[in-house]
Amino acid sequence: MIKLCFVFTVNSGAGYGRMPLPVNFEEYSDMKEYFSHYYNVSFNYLRDKDQVDYLVLPNPFFSFDNEHNLPIIKVPAKLFMAKDFEGIKTCIDHYFAINQER
């Protein structure tokens, strides 16, 4: 199963911090419940960056150091703010559909 890491952590130069969104994603339980039916998911980039296949980032996103040059799936940030999980999944599925054809 594909392992995705949803990245809400930014490198501030002096360390890492959470991306400021008007939605609280502290526990990620709603997102994890929804997306775990389709993918192996992580919400801890710092812990799991060596074990994931793709990164899912809100777009636009802050400066980000993709240490392992993993493929990045950009999803409009407004979908995260609206907690539109179906819309987010549609973007992810669209990414895979386009990149499998190549």
PDB file of N, CA and C in Angstrom:
ATOM      1  N   MET A   1       0.844  -1.172   0.000  1.00  0.00           N
ATOM      2  CA  MET A   1       0.000   0.000   0.000  1.00  0.00           C
ATOM      3  C   MET A   1       0.893   1.241   0.000  1.00  0.00           C
ATOM      4  N   ILE A   2       0.511   2.233  -0.763  1.00  0.00           N
ATOM      5  CA  ILE A   2       1.263   3.484  -0.857  1.00  0.00           C
ATOM      6  C   ILE A   2       1.268   4.180   0.495  1.00  0.00           C
ATOM      7  N   LYS A   3       2.439   4.673   0.906  1.00  0.00           N
ATOM      8  CA  LYS A   3       2.535   5.401   2.171  1.00  0.00           C
ATOM      9  C   LYS A   3       2.694   6.884   1.888  1.00  0.00           C
ATOM     10  N   LEU A   4       1.705   7.651   2.336  1.00  0.00           N
ATOM     11  CA  LEU A   4       1.699   9.098   2.175  1.00  0.00           C
ATOM     12  C   LEU A   4       2.004   9.769   3.497  1.00  0.00           C
ATOM     13  N   CYS A   5       2.721  10.876   3.429  1.00  0.00           N
ATOM     14  CA  CYS A   5       2.942  11.696   4.612  1.00  0.00           C
ATOM     15  C   CYS A   5       2.357  13.076   4.340  1.00  0.00           C
ATOM     16  N   PHE A   6       1.364  13.451   5.124  1.00  0.00           N
ATOM     17  CA  PHE A   6       0.797  14.791   5.050  1.00  0.00           C
ATOM     18  C   PHE A   6       1.719  15.708   5.845  1.00  0.00           C
ATOM     19  N   VAL A   7       2.253  16.721   5.180  1.00  0.00           N
ATOM     20  CA  VAL A   7       3.261  17.579   5.802  1.00  0.00           C
ATOM     21  C   VAL A   7       2.637  18.903   6.220  1.00  0.00           C
ATOM     22  N   PHE A   8       2.634  19.147   7.519  1.00  0.00           N
ATOM     23  CA  PHE A   8       2.183  20.417   8.077  1.00  0.00           C
ATOM     24  C   PHE A   8       3.280  21.021   8.945  1.00  0.00           C
ATOM     25  N   THR A   9       4.513  20.571   8.734  1.00  0.00           N
ATOM     26  CA  THR A   9       5.670  21.026   9.497  1.00  0.00           C
ATOM     27  C   THR A   9       6.569  21.834   8.582  1.00  0.00           C
ATOM     28  N   VAL A  10       7.049  22.968   9.053  1.00  0.00           N
ATOM     29  CA  VAL A  10       7.923  23.810   8.239  1.00  0.00           C
ATOM     30  C   VAL A  10       9.265  23.988   8.931  1.00  0.00           C
ATOM     31  N   ASN A  11      10.299  24.164   8.121  1.00  0.00           N
ATOM     32  CA  ASN A  11      11.633  24.431   8.634  1.00  0.00           C
ATOM     33  C   ASN A  11      11.800  25.937   8.700  1.00  0.00           C
ATOM     34  N   SER A  12      11.931  26.463   9.902  1.00  0.00           N
ATOM     35  CA  SER A  12      12.054  27.907  10.081  1.00  0.00           C
ATOM     36  C   SER A  12      13.499  28.375  10.033  1.00  0.00           C
ATOM     37  N   GLY A  13      14.416  27.484   9.790  1.00  0.00           N
ATOM     38  CA  GLY A  13      15.830  27.833   9.803  1.00  0.00           C
ATOM     39  C   GLY A  13      16.446  27.589  11.170  1.00  0.00           C
ATOM     40  N   ALA A  14      15.708  27.903  12.213  1.00  0.00           N
ATOM     41  CA  ALA A  14      16.182  27.683  13.578  1.00  0.00           C
ATOM     42  C   ALA A  14      15.595  26.404  14.160  1.00  0.00           C
ATOM     43  N   GLY A  15      14.742  25.762  13.405  1.00  0.00           N
ATOM     44  CA  GLY A  15      14.094  24.545  13.874  1.00  0.00           C
ATOM     45  C   GLY A  15      12.826  24.303  13.091  1.00  0.00           C
ATOM     46  N   TYR A  16      12.055  23.349  13.535  1.00  0.00           N
ATOM     47  CA  TYR A  16      10.820  22.988  12.848  1.00  0.00           C
ATOM     48  C   TYR A  16       9.625  23.454  13.658  1.00  0.00           C
ATOM     49  N   GLY A  17       8.567  23.809  12.957  1.00  0.00           N
ATOM     50  CA  GLY A  17       7.333  24.222  13.613  1.00  0.00           C
ATOM     51  C   GLY A  17       6.137  23.851  12.766  1.00  0.00           C
ATOM     52  N   ARG A  18       4.967  23.952  13.331  1.00  0.00           N
ATOM     53  CA  ARG A  18       3.734  23.630  12.611  1.00  0.00           C
ATOM     54  C   ARG A  18       3.348  24.775  11.681  1.00  0.00           C
ATOM     55  N   MET A  19       2.824  24.402  10.527  1.00  0.00           N
ATOM     56  CA  MET A  19       2.338  25.388   9.580  1.00  0.00           C
ATOM     57  C   MET A  19       1.098  26.051  10.164  1.00  0.00           C
ATOM     58  N   PRO A  20       1.042  27.376  10.154  1.00  0.00           N
ATOM     59  CA  PRO A  20      -0.129  28.051  10.725  1.00  0.00           C
ATOM     60  C   PRO A  20      -1.337  27.948   9.797  1.00  0.00           C
ATOM     61  N   LEU A  21      -2.309  27.138  10.171  1.00  0.00           N
ATOM     62  CA  LEU A  21      -3.567  27.013   9.439  1.00  0.00           C
ATOM     63  C   LEU A  21      -4.697  27.372  10.395  1.00  0.00           C
ATOM     64  N   PRO A  22      -5.788  27.918   9.873  1.00  0.00           N
ATOM     65  CA  PRO A  22      -6.911  28.250  10.752  1.00  0.00           C
ATOM     66  C   PRO A  22      -7.687  27.027  11.230  1.00  0.00           C
ATOM     67  N   VAL A  23      -7.244  25.841  10.843  1.00  0.00           N
ATOM     68  CA  VAL A  23      -7.881  24.598  11.265  1.00  0.00           C
ATOM     69  C   VAL A  23      -6.899  23.851  12.155  1.00  0.00           C
ATOM     70  N   ASN A  24      -7.376  23.298  13.253  1.00  0.00           N
ATOM     71  CA  ASN A  24      -6.504  22.572  14.172  1.00  0.00           C
ATOM     72  C   ASN A  24      -6.316  21.138  13.683  1.00  0.00           C
ATOM     73  N   PHE A  25      -5.092  20.817  13.284  1.00  0.00           N
ATOM     74  CA  PHE A  25      -4.782  19.459  12.854  1.00  0.00           C
ATOM     75  C   PHE A  25      -3.902  18.759  13.888  1.00  0.00           C
ATOM     76  N   GLU A  26      -3.977  19.179  15.131  1.00  0.00           N
ATOM     77  CA  GLU A  26      -3.102  18.630  16.164  1.00  0.00           C
ATOM     78  C   GLU A  26      -3.190  17.111  16.260  1.00  0.00           C
ATOM     79  N   GLU A  27      -4.374  16.569  16.265  1.00  0.00           N
ATOM     80  CA  GLU A  27      -4.465  15.120  16.449  1.00  0.00           C
ATOM     81  C   GLU A  27      -4.683  14.366  15.138  1.00  0.00           C
ATOM     82  N   TYR A  28      -5.141  15.034  14.103  1.00  0.00           N
ATOM     83  CA  TYR A  28      -5.306  14.437  12.774  1.00  0.00           C
ATOM     84  C   TYR A  28      -6.262  13.251  12.747  1.00  0.00           C
ATOM     85  N   SER A  29      -7.042  13.037  13.781  1.00  0.00           N
ATOM     86  CA  SER A  29      -7.858  11.821  13.845  1.00  0.00           C
ATOM     87  C   SER A  29      -8.879  11.733  12.712  1.00  0.00           C
ATOM     88  N   ASP A  30      -9.533  12.843  12.365  1.00  0.00           N
ATOM     89  CA  ASP A  30     -10.513  12.806  11.274  1.00  0.00           C
ATOM     90  C   ASP A  30      -9.846  12.457   9.951  1.00  0.00           C
ATOM     91  N   MET A  31      -8.720  13.107   9.686  1.00  0.00           N
ATOM     92  CA  MET A  31      -8.005  12.847   8.432  1.00  0.00           C
ATOM     93  C   MET A  31      -7.473  11.423   8.397  1.00  0.00           C
ATOM     94  N   LYS A  32      -6.896  10.994   9.504  1.00  0.00           N
ATOM     95  CA  LYS A  32      -6.329   9.643   9.544  1.00  0.00           C
ATOM     96  C   LYS A  32      -7.420   8.599   9.332  1.00  0.00           C
ATOM     97  N   GLU A  33      -8.556   8.797   9.976  1.00  0.00           N
ATOM     98  CA  GLU A  33      -9.680   7.868   9.820  1.00  0.00           C
ATOM     99  C   GLU A  33     -10.115   7.790   8.362  1.00  0.00           C
ATOM    100  N   TYR A  34     -10.234   8.922   7.699  1.00  0.00           N
ATOM    101  CA  TYR A  34     -10.691   8.942   6.310  1.00  0.00           C
ATOM    102  C   TYR A  34      -9.658   8.328   5.367  1.00  0.00           C
ATOM    103  N   PHE A  35      -8.422   8.817   5.428  1.00  0.00           N
ATOM    104  CA  PHE A  35      -7.422   8.416   4.438  1.00  0.00           C
ATOM    105  C   PHE A  35      -6.837   7.027   4.671  1.00  0.00           C
ATOM    106  N   SER A  36      -6.925   6.507   5.884  1.00  0.00           N
ATOM    107  CA  SER A  36      -6.359   5.180   6.147  1.00  0.00           C
ATOM    108  C   SER A  36      -7.134   4.071   5.435  1.00  0.00           C
ATOM    109  N   HIS A  37      -8.309   4.372   4.932  1.00  0.00           N
ATOM    110  CA  HIS A  37      -9.058   3.387   4.139  1.00  0.00           C
ATOM    111  C   HIS A  37      -8.454   3.219   2.745  1.00  0.00           C
ATOM    112  N   TYR A  38      -7.675   4.203   2.315  1.00  0.00           N
ATOM    113  CA  TYR A  38      -7.145   4.209   0.952  1.00  0.00           C
ATOM    114  C   TYR A  38      -5.623   4.104   0.878  1.00  0.00           C
ATOM    115  N   TYR A  39      -4.945   4.619   1.899  1.00  0.00           N
ATOM    116  CA  TYR A  39      -3.484   4.683   1.885  1.00  0.00           C
ATOM    117  C   TYR A  39      -2.953   4.390   3.283  1.00  0.00           C
ATOM    118  N   ASN A  40      -1.670   4.077   3.348  1.00  0.00           N
ATOM    119  CA  ASN A  40      -0.960   4.047   4.617  1.00  0.00           C
ATOM    120  C   ASN A  40      -0.547   5.496   4.856  1.00  0.00           C
ATOM    121  N   VAL A  41      -1.005   6.107   5.937  1.00  0.00           N
ATOM    122  CA  VAL A  41      -0.782   7.541   6.124  1.00  0.00           C
ATOM    123  C   VAL A  41       0.038   7.854   7.360  1.00  0.00           C
ATOM    124  N   SER A  42       0.767   8.950   7.248  1.00  0.00           N
ATOM    125  CA  SER A  42       1.543   9.493   8.357  1.00  0.00           C
ATOM    126  C   SER A  42       1.297  10.995   8.396  1.00  0.00           C
ATOM    127  N   PHE A  43       1.391  11.554   9.583  1.00  0.00           N
ATOM    128  CA  PHE A  43       1.291  12.998   9.752  1.00  0.00           C
ATOM    129  C   PHE A  43       2.523  13.534  10.472  1.00  0.00           C
ATOM    130  N   ASN A  44       3.550  12.685  10.579  1.00  0.00           N
ATOM    131  CA  ASN A  44       4.761  13.081  11.288  1.00  0.00           C
ATOM    132  C   ASN A  44       5.954  12.970  10.340  1.00  0.00           C
ATOM    133  N   TYR A  45       6.205  14.036   9.596  1.00  0.00           N
ATOM    134  CA  TYR A  45       7.294  14.036   8.623  1.00  0.00           C
ATOM    135  C   TYR A  45       8.639  13.779   9.290  1.00  0.00           C
ATOM    136  N   LEU A  46       8.888  14.421  10.416  1.00  0.00           N
ATOM    137  CA  LEU A  46      10.192  14.291  11.069  1.00  0.00           C
ATOM    138  C   LEU A  46      10.475  12.852  11.486  1.00  0.00           C
ATOM    139  N   ARG A  47       9.469  12.137  11.922  1.00  0.00           N
ATOM    140  CA  ARG A  47       9.648  10.751  12.353  1.00  0.00           C
ATOM    141  C   ARG A  47       9.676   9.779  11.175  1.00  0.00           C
ATOM    142  N   ASP A  48       8.844  10.023  10.163  1.00  0.00           N
ATOM    143  CA  ASP A  48       8.611   9.022   9.121  1.00  0.00           C
ATOM    144  C   ASP A  48       9.222   9.343   7.764  1.00  0.00           C
ATOM    145  N   LYS A  49      10.007  10.391   7.651  1.00  0.00           N
ATOM    146  CA  LYS A  49      10.515  10.810   6.337  1.00  0.00           C
ATOM    147  C   LYS A  49      11.341   9.735   5.633  1.00  0.00           C
ATOM    148  N   ASP A  50      11.888   8.790   6.374  1.00  0.00           N
ATOM    149  CA  ASP A  50      12.673   7.714   5.762  1.00  0.00           C
ATOM    150  C   ASP A  50      11.810   6.519   5.351  1.00  0.00           C
ATOM    151  N   GLN A  51      10.517   6.573   5.648  1.00  0.00           N
ATOM    152  CA  GLN A  51       9.660   5.407   5.430  1.00  0.00           C
ATOM    153  C   GLN A  51       8.464   5.677   4.528  1.00  0.00           C
ATOM    154  N   VAL A  52       8.345   6.886   3.982  1.00  0.00           N
ATOM    155  CA  VAL A  52       7.174   7.208   3.166  1.00  0.00           C
ATOM    156  C   VAL A  52       7.532   7.245   1.688  1.00  0.00           C
ATOM    157  N   ASP A  53       6.509   7.109   0.851  1.00  0.00           N
ATOM    158  CA  ASP A  53       6.705   7.102  -0.598  1.00  0.00           C
ATOM    159  C   ASP A  53       6.435   8.458  -1.240  1.00  0.00           C
ATOM    160  N   TYR A  54       5.474   9.195  -0.690  1.00  0.00           N
ATOM    161  CA  TYR A  54       5.060  10.481  -1.249  1.00  0.00           C
ATOM    162  C   TYR A  54       4.769  11.453  -0.123  1.00  0.00           C
ATOM    163  N   LEU A  55       4.954  12.735  -0.417  1.00  0.00           N
ATOM    164  CA  LEU A  55       4.595  13.791   0.516  1.00  0.00           C
ATOM    165  C   LEU A  55       3.376  14.518  -0.030  1.00  0.00           C
ATOM    166  N   VAL A  56       2.440  14.831   0.844  1.00  0.00           N
ATOM    167  CA  VAL A  56       1.264  15.611   0.470  1.00  0.00           C
ATOM    168  C   VAL A  56       1.381  16.952   1.181  1.00  0.00           C
ATOM    169  N   LEU A  57       1.445  18.032   0.392  1.00  0.00           N
ATOM    170  CA  LEU A  57       1.630  19.371   0.942  1.00  0.00           C
ATOM    171  C   LEU A  57       0.507  20.296   0.518  1.00  0.00           C
ATOM    172  N   PRO A  58       0.053  21.142   1.447  1.00  0.00           N
ATOM    173  CA  PRO A  58      -0.885  22.189   1.057  1.00  0.00           C
ATOM    174  C   PRO A  58      -0.178  23.156   0.105  1.00  0.00           C
ATOM    175  N   ASN A  59      -0.898  23.634  -0.884  1.00  0.00           N
ATOM    176  CA  ASN A  59      -0.329  24.576  -1.847  1.00  0.00           C
ATOM    177  C   ASN A  59      -1.146  25.856  -1.808  1.00  0.00           C
ATOM    178  N   PRO A  60      -0.573  27.003  -1.495  1.00  0.00           N
ATOM    179  CA  PRO A  60       0.860  27.238  -1.346  1.00  0.00           C
ATOM    180  C   PRO A  60       1.373  26.720  -0.003  1.00  0.00           C
ATOM    181  N   PHE A  61       2.687  26.517   0.037  1.00  0.00           N
ATOM    182  CA  PHE A  61       3.338  26.010   1.237  1.00  0.00           C
ATOM    183  C   PHE A  61       4.570  26.848   1.514  1.00  0.00           C
ATOM    184  N   PHE A  62       5.009  26.850   2.751  1.00  0.00           N
ATOM    185  CA  PHE A  62       6.214  27.561   3.137  1.00  0.00           C
ATOM    186  C   PHE A  62       7.449  26.849   2.590  1.00  0.00           C
ATOM    187  N   SER A  63       8.591  27.449   2.768  1.00  0.00           N
ATOM    188  CA  SER A  63       9.853  26.829   2.370  1.00  0.00           C
ATOM    189  C   SER A  63       9.960  25.451   3.024  1.00  0.00           C
ATOM    190  N   PHE A  64      10.357  24.473   2.229  1.00  0.00           N
ATOM    191  CA  PHE A  64      10.376  23.102   2.726  1.00  0.00           C
ATOM    192  C   PHE A  64      11.601  22.386   2.197  1.00  0.00           C
ATOM    193  N   ASP A  65      12.341  21.722   3.072  1.00  0.00           N
ATOM    194  CA  ASP A  65      13.532  20.968   2.690  1.00  0.00           C
ATOM    195  C   ASP A  65      13.143  19.504   2.508  1.00  0.00           C
ATOM    196  N   ASN A  66      12.977  19.101   1.251  1.00  0.00           N
ATOM    197  CA  ASN A  66      12.618  17.721   0.915  1.00  0.00           C
ATOM    198  C   ASN A  66      13.911  16.908   0.915  1.00  0.00           C
ATOM    199  N   GLU A  67      14.315  16.470   2.075  1.00  0.00           N
ATOM    200  CA  GLU A  67      15.626  15.853   2.285  1.00  0.00           C
ATOM    201  C   GLU A  67      15.885  14.631   1.411  1.00  0.00           C
ATOM    202  N   HIS A  68      14.847  13.879   1.088  1.00  0.00           N
ATOM    203  CA  HIS A  68      15.021  12.646   0.317  1.00  0.00           C
ATOM    204  C   HIS A  68      14.487  12.767  -1.108  1.00  0.00           C
ATOM    205  N   ASN A  69      14.197  13.990  -1.515  1.00  0.00           N
ATOM    206  CA  ASN A  69      13.661  14.241  -2.862  1.00  0.00           C
ATOM    207  C   ASN A  69      12.479  13.336  -3.188  1.00  0.00           C
ATOM    208  N   LEU A  70      11.589  13.197  -2.239  1.00  0.00           N
ATOM    209  CA  LEU A  70      10.387  12.396  -2.447  1.00  0.00           C
ATOM    210  C   LEU A  70       9.421  13.134  -3.363  1.00  0.00           C
ATOM    211  N   PRO A  71       8.625  12.397  -4.124  1.00  0.00           N
ATOM    212  CA  PRO A  71       7.614  13.054  -4.946  1.00  0.00           C
ATOM    213  C   PRO A  71       6.639  13.834  -4.059  1.00  0.00           C
ATOM    214  N   ILE A  72       6.278  15.025  -4.510  1.00  0.00           N
ATOM    215  CA  ILE A  72       5.381  15.893  -3.753  1.00  0.00           C
ATOM    216  C   ILE A  72       4.050  16.006  -4.479  1.00  0.00           C
ATOM    217  N   ILE A  73       2.993  15.753  -3.740  1.00  0.00           N
ATOM    218  CA  ILE A  73       1.637  15.929  -4.253  1.00  0.00           C
ATOM    219  C   ILE A  73       1.114  17.221  -3.639  1.00  0.00           C
ATOM    220  N   LYS A  74       0.908  18.234  -4.480  1.00  0.00           N
ATOM    221  CA  LYS A  74       0.422  19.526  -3.996  1.00  0.00           C
ATOM    222  C   LYS A  74      -1.097  19.557  -4.068  1.00  0.00           C
ATOM    223  N   VAL A  75      -1.697  19.935  -2.950  1.00  0.00           N
ATOM    224  CA  VAL A  75      -3.151  20.002  -2.834  1.00  0.00           C
ATOM    225  C   VAL A  75      -3.514  21.422  -2.409  1.00  0.00           C
ATOM    226  N   PRO A  76      -4.509  22.038  -3.038  1.00  0.00           N
ATOM    227  CA  PRO A  76      -4.884  23.394  -2.636  1.00  0.00           C
ATOM    228  C   PRO A  76      -5.149  23.489  -1.131  1.00  0.00           C
ATOM    229  N   ALA A  77      -4.508  24.466  -0.490  1.00  0.00           N
ATOM    230  CA  ALA A  77      -4.633  24.632   0.959  1.00  0.00           C
ATOM    231  C   ALA A  77      -6.082  24.836   1.384  1.00  0.00           C
ATOM    232  N   LYS A  78      -6.887  25.436   0.513  1.00  0.00           N
ATOM    233  CA  LYS A  78      -8.287  25.688   0.878  1.00  0.00           C
ATOM    234  C   LYS A  78      -9.044  24.384   1.146  1.00  0.00           C
ATOM    235  N   LEU A  79      -8.616  23.283   0.526  1.00  0.00           N
ATOM    236  CA  LEU A  79      -9.266  21.996   0.794  1.00  0.00           C
ATOM    237  C   LEU A  79      -8.969  21.515   2.212  1.00  0.00           C
ATOM    238  N   PHE A  80      -7.747  21.772   2.684  1.00  0.00           N
ATOM    239  CA  PHE A  80      -7.403  21.414   4.064  1.00  0.00           C
ATOM    240  C   PHE A  80      -8.172  22.291   5.044  1.00  0.00           C
ATOM    241  N   MET A  81      -8.258  23.590   4.731  1.00  0.00           N
ATOM    242  CA  MET A  81      -8.953  24.512   5.630  1.00  0.00           C
ATOM    243  C   MET A  81     -10.437  24.180   5.737  1.00  0.00           C
ATOM    244  N   ALA A  82     -11.023  23.684   4.649  1.00  0.00           N
ATOM    245  CA  ALA A  82     -12.440  23.311   4.646  1.00  0.00           C
ATOM    246  C   ALA A  82     -12.653  21.876   5.123  1.00  0.00           C
ATOM    247  N   LYS A  83     -11.561  21.176   5.408  1.00  0.00           N
ATOM    248  CA  LYS A  83     -11.610  19.752   5.763  1.00  0.00           C
ATOM    249  C   LYS A  83     -12.373  18.962   4.700  1.00  0.00           C
ATOM    250  N   ASP A  84     -12.090  19.294   3.445  1.00  0.00           N
ATOM    251  CA  ASP A  84     -12.717  18.626   2.301  1.00  0.00           C
ATOM    252  C   ASP A  84     -11.878  17.402   1.942  1.00  0.00           C
ATOM    253  N   PHE A  85     -12.049  16.331   2.695  1.00  0.00           N
ATOM    254  CA  PHE A  85     -11.234  15.140   2.508  1.00  0.00           C
ATOM    255  C   PHE A  85     -11.460  14.500   1.146  1.00  0.00           C
ATOM    256  N   GLU A  86     -12.690  14.531   0.658  1.00  0.00           N
ATOM    257  CA  GLU A  86     -12.957  13.976  -0.671  1.00  0.00           C
ATOM    258  C   GLU A  86     -12.226  14.775  -1.745  1.00  0.00           C
ATOM    259  N   GLY A  87     -12.205  16.096  -1.598  1.00  0.00           N
ATOM    260  CA  GLY A  87     -11.478  16.939  -2.544  1.00  0.00           C
ATOM    261  C   GLY A  87      -9.982  16.670  -2.500  1.00  0.00           C
ATOM    262  N   ILE A  88      -9.449  16.483  -1.299  1.00  0.00           N
ATOM    263  CA  ILE A  88      -8.023  16.171  -1.142  1.00  0.00           C
ATOM    264  C   ILE A  88      -7.723  14.829  -1.801  1.00  0.00           C
ATOM    265  N   LYS A  89      -8.575  13.836  -1.554  1.00  0.00           N
ATOM    266  CA  LYS A  89      -8.371  12.513  -2.156  1.00  0.00           C
ATOM    267  C   LYS A  89      -8.447  12.587  -3.676  1.00  0.00           C
ATOM    268  N   THR A  90      -9.347  13.402  -4.203  1.00  0.00           N
ATOM    269  CA  THR A  90      -9.451  13.572  -5.652  1.00  0.00           C
ATOM    270  C   THR A  90      -8.142  14.108  -6.218  1.00  0.00           C
ATOM    271  N   CYS A  91      -7.538  15.084  -5.546  1.00  0.00           N
ATOM    272  CA  CYS A  91      -6.246  15.631  -5.995  1.00  0.00           C
ATOM    273  C   CYS A  91      -5.156  14.564  -5.960  1.00  0.00           C
ATOM    274  N   ILE A  92      -5.126  13.770  -4.893  1.00  0.00           N
ATOM    275  CA  ILE A  92      -4.127  12.707  -4.768  1.00  0.00           C
ATOM    276  C   ILE A  92      -4.324  11.666  -5.871  1.00  0.00           C
ATOM    277  N   ASP A  93      -5.562  11.244  -6.069  1.00  0.00           N
ATOM    278  CA  ASP A  93      -5.852  10.248  -7.106  1.00  0.00           C
ATOM    279  C   ASP A  93      -5.526  10.783  -8.494  1.00  0.00           C
ATOM    280  N   HIS A  94      -5.789  12.058  -8.721  1.00  0.00           N
ATOM    281  CA  HIS A  94      -5.467  12.689 -10.006  1.00  0.00           C
ATOM    282  C   HIS A  94      -3.951  12.664 -10.237  1.00  0.00           C
ATOM    283  N   TYR A  95      -3.184  12.958  -9.198  1.00  0.00           N
ATOM    284  CA  TYR A  95      -1.723  12.909  -9.292  1.00  0.00           C
ATOM    285  C   TYR A  95      -1.269  11.516  -9.730  1.00  0.00           C
ATOM    286  N   PHE A  96      -1.805  10.484  -9.089  1.00  0.00           N
ATOM    287  CA  PHE A  96      -1.400   9.122  -9.432  1.00  0.00           C
ATOM    288  C   PHE A  96      -1.853   8.733 -10.835  1.00  0.00           C
ATOM    289  N   ALA A  97      -3.027   9.155 -11.237  1.00  0.00           N
ATOM    290  CA  ALA A  97      -3.525   8.836 -12.582  1.00  0.00           C
ATOM    291  C   ALA A  97      -2.632   9.450 -13.653  1.00  0.00           C
ATOM    292  N   ILE A  98      -2.220  10.684 -13.451  1.00  0.00           N
ATOM    293  CA  ILE A  98      -1.354  11.362 -14.426  1.00  0.00           C
ATOM    294  C   ILE A  98       0.033  10.736 -14.446  1.00  0.00           C
ATOM    295  N   ASN A  99       0.576  10.429 -13.284  1.00  0.00           N
ATOM    296  CA  ASN A  99       1.950   9.936 -13.214  1.00  0.00           C
ATOM    297  C   ASN A  99       2.086   8.454 -13.519  1.00  0.00           C
ATOM    298  N   GLN A 100       1.022   7.690 -13.512  1.00  0.00           N
ATOM    299  CA  GLN A 100       1.088   6.284 -13.912  1.00  0.00           C
ATOM    300  C   GLN A 100       1.111   6.143 -15.421  1.00  0.00           C
ATOM    301  N   GLU A 101       0.536   7.130 -16.114  1.00  0.00           N
ATOM    302  CA  GLU A 101       0.461   7.059 -17.572  1.00  0.00           C
ATOM    303  C   GLU A 101       1.803   7.321 -18.235  1.00  0.00           C
ATOM    304  N   ARG A 102       2.732   7.896 -17.510  1.00  0.00           N
ATOM    305  CA  ARG A 102       4.027   8.260 -18.095  1.00  0.00           C
ATOM    306  C   ARG A 102       4.935   7.086 -18.203  1.00  0.00           C
TER     307      ARG A 102
END
